[in-house]
Amino acid sequence: MATMNISLPKEMKSWVETHAQSGRYSNSSDYVRDLIRKDQDQAAIIAHMQAKVSEGIHSGVGSHSMDELKDIAHKRLLGS
């Protein structure tokens, strides 16, 4: 595993140490790795959603009214 040294303000250092000592993490590095994994997951979700938005924009003008779209969304939400 590679090593990286970072500088943090005192308040952030205290925050990391408090969370690392909470019992959920084995040490500060474990806590920071978890934050990075969560950030990577969030970035992947955002990229996926952006791709869907771009796909929708490039698909052209739809044929449904806003009320029809709301109805479709509501039915999908309810699993109908």
Protein backbone atom coordinates (compact mmCIF):
# COMPACT_ATOMS: atom_id res chain seq x y z
CA MET A 1 0.00 0.00 0.00
CA ALA A 2 1.28 3.46 -0.91
CA THR A 3 1.79 6.15 1.71
CA MET A 4 0.49 9.71 1.49
CA ASN A 5 1.10 12.47 3.98
CA ILE A 6 -1.52 15.21 4.21
CA SER A 7 -1.78 18.40 6.25
CA LEU A 8 -5.00 19.19 8.08
CA PRO A 9 -6.13 22.10 10.22
CA LYS A 10 -6.36 21.19 13.92
CA GLU A 11 -10.15 20.96 13.82
CA MET A 12 -10.10 18.46 10.95
CA LYS A 13 -7.35 16.43 12.58
CA SER A 14 -9.42 16.22 15.76
CA TRP A 15 -12.47 15.22 13.72
CA VAL A 16 -10.57 12.40 12.01
CA GLU A 17 -9.05 11.17 15.27
CA THR A 18 -12.43 11.22 17.04
CA HIS A 19 -14.04 9.15 14.30
CA ALA A 20 -11.08 6.81 14.09
CA GLN A 21 -11.30 6.15 17.85
CA SER A 22 -15.07 5.59 17.78
CA GLY A 23 -14.55 1.85 17.33
CA ARG A 24 -15.88 1.77 13.79
CA TYR A 25 -12.42 2.31 12.29
CA SER A 26 -9.10 0.78 13.23
CA ASN A 27 -7.17 4.03 12.76
CA SER A 28 -7.18 7.42 11.03
CA SER A 29 -6.06 5.94 7.72
CA ASP A 30 -8.97 3.51 7.75
CA TYR A 31 -11.38 6.41 8.30
CA VAL A 32 -9.85 8.45 5.44
CA ARG A 33 -9.93 5.41 3.10
CA ASP A 34 -13.64 4.98 3.92
CA LEU A 35 -14.29 8.64 3.09
CA ILE A 36 -12.48 8.24 -0.23
CA ARG A 37 -14.46 5.08 -1.08
CA LYS A 38 -17.72 6.91 -0.32
CA ASP A 39 -16.60 9.83 -2.49
CA GLN A 40 -15.75 7.43 -5.33
CA ASP A 41 -19.17 5.78 -5.02
CA GLN A 42 -20.89 9.18 -5.06
CA ALA A 43 -18.88 10.28 -8.11
CA ALA A 44 -19.91 7.10 -9.95
CA ILE A 45 -23.59 7.72 -9.11
CA ILE A 46 -23.34 11.33 -10.30
CA ALA A 47 -21.62 10.25 -13.54
CA HIS A 48 -24.35 7.66 -14.14
CA MET A 49 -27.10 10.22 -13.53
CA GLN A 50 -25.35 12.76 -15.77
CA ALA A 51 -25.15 10.16 -18.53
CA LYS A 52 -28.90 9.54 -18.16
CA VAL A 53 -29.63 13.29 -18.29
CA SER A 54 -27.45 13.66 -21.40
CA GLU A 55 -29.17 10.66 -22.97
CA GLY A 56 -32.54 12.28 -22.31
CA ILE A 57 -31.45 15.64 -23.70
CA HIS A 58 -30.13 14.03 -26.87
CA SER A 59 -33.16 11.79 -27.36
CA GLY A 60 -35.21 14.62 -28.79
CA VAL A 61 -38.62 16.05 -28.00
CA GLY A 62 -41.01 13.69 -26.25
CA SER A 63 -44.63 13.08 -27.12
CA HIS A 64 -46.09 13.04 -23.58
CA SER A 65 -47.58 16.03 -21.78
CA MET A 66 -46.28 17.00 -18.34
CA ASP A 67 -49.40 15.48 -16.74
CA GLU A 68 -48.82 12.21 -18.62
CA LEU A 69 -45.18 12.16 -17.50
CA LYS A 70 -46.22 12.72 -13.88
CA ASP A 71 -48.75 9.90 -14.21
CA ILE A 72 -46.13 7.55 -15.66
CA ALA A 73 -43.65 8.44 -12.91
CA HIS A 74 -46.28 7.94 -10.21
CA LYS A 75 -47.23 4.52 -11.58
CA ARG A 76 -43.56 3.47 -11.75
CA LEU A 77 -43.07 4.64 -8.18
CA LEU A 78 -46.01 2.54 -7.00
CA GLY A 79 -44.87 -0.43 -9.08
CA SER A 80 -48.03 -0.44 -11.21
